[in-house]
Amino acid sequence: MTQMKVGDRVCIRGLAHSDCYGLIGRILEVRQSALFGPEIQRCKVDFNGRVRRLLNLHLMVRSQQGDSTTSAA
């Protein structure tokens, strides 16, 4: 499982009911979860002014260079 760190750009995965679904946010704070074990982190994420607290299970790290892809041809 990917360990998150402060400053990572992330988006939500698996929580379609979230009001921030589809938005890209930045991690403000990371803490270990006391309830779910050592692999799971509680992350405080800022989605353009909407601050949410989510588990790293529900986050996907986005590329730091942007979302553009390059062709090998």
Protein backbone atom coordinates (compact mmCIF):
# COMPACT_ATOMS: atom_id res chain seq x y z
CA MET A 1 0.00 0.00 0.00
CA THR A 2 1.26 3.47 -0.86
CA GLN A 3 2.31 5.56 2.12
CA MET A 4 1.12 9.15 1.81
CA LYS A 5 3.15 12.19 2.78
CA VAL A 6 2.41 15.88 3.26
CA GLY A 7 2.22 17.73 -0.05
CA ASP A 8 1.15 14.77 -2.20
CA ARG A 9 -1.54 15.54 -4.79
CA VAL A 10 -4.36 13.02 -4.45
CA CYS A 11 -7.85 12.24 -5.64
CA ILE A 12 -10.58 10.14 -4.05
CA ARG A 13 -11.21 6.59 -5.22
CA GLY A 14 -13.96 4.28 -4.07
CA LEU A 15 -16.13 6.90 -2.34
CA ALA A 16 -18.56 7.92 -5.06
CA HIS A 17 -20.87 9.57 -2.50
CA SER A 18 -18.19 12.10 -1.48
CA ASP A 19 -18.76 15.75 -2.40
CA CYS A 20 -15.07 15.96 -3.40
CA TYR A 21 -15.16 12.97 -5.77
CA GLY A 22 -13.27 13.82 -8.96
CA LEU A 23 -11.38 16.76 -7.44
CA ILE A 24 -7.62 16.86 -6.92
CA GLY A 25 -6.46 17.85 -3.45
CA ARG A 26 -3.25 18.28 -1.49
CA ILE A 27 -2.43 16.41 1.73
CA LEU A 28 -2.02 18.74 4.71
CA GLU A 29 -1.44 16.23 7.52
CA VAL A 30 -0.77 12.49 7.87
CA ARG A 31 -1.26 10.38 11.01
CA GLN A 32 -1.17 6.66 11.71
CA SER A 33 -4.58 5.14 12.36
CA ALA A 34 -5.04 3.70 15.84
CA LEU A 35 -7.99 1.57 14.75
CA PHE A 36 -6.92 -0.07 11.49
CA GLY A 37 -3.27 -1.04 11.98
CA PRO A 38 0.17 0.21 10.95
CA GLU A 39 -0.43 0.28 7.17
CA ILE A 40 -3.45 2.60 7.32
CA GLN A 41 -3.01 6.37 7.56
CA ARG A 42 -5.50 9.13 8.35
CA CYS A 43 -4.95 12.00 5.93
CA LYS A 44 -6.21 15.58 6.14
CA VAL A 45 -6.72 16.72 2.54
CA ASP A 46 -7.54 20.18 1.14
CA PHE A 47 -9.74 20.08 -1.97
CA ASN A 48 -9.68 23.78 -2.93
CA GLY A 49 -10.96 24.97 0.44
CA ARG A 50 -12.90 21.84 1.35
CA VAL A 51 -10.86 20.08 4.01
CA ARG A 52 -11.67 16.40 4.47
CA ARG A 53 -10.18 13.66 6.64
CA LEU A 54 -9.86 10.37 4.77
CA LEU A 55 -8.05 7.05 5.08
CA ASN A 56 -5.24 6.42 2.60
CA LEU A 57 -7.28 3.44 1.33
CA HIS A 58 -9.64 5.94 -0.28
CA LEU A 59 -6.95 8.09 -1.89
CA MET A 60 -4.93 7.73 -5.07
CA VAL A 61 -1.69 9.68 -5.58
CA ARG A 62 -1.66 11.83 -8.70
CA SER A 63 1.43 12.54 -10.79
CA GLN A 64 3.45 15.56 -9.65
CA GLN A 65 4.13 16.58 -13.27
CA GLY A 66 0.45 16.78 -14.17
CA ASP A 67 -1.90 14.45 -15.95
CA SER A 68 -0.29 14.59 -19.38
CA THR A 69 1.10 11.42 -20.90
CA THR A 70 3.87 11.10 -23.44
CA SER A 71 4.06 8.72 -26.36
CA ALA A 72 6.99 6.37 -26.89
CA ALA A 73 6.72 6.74 -30.68
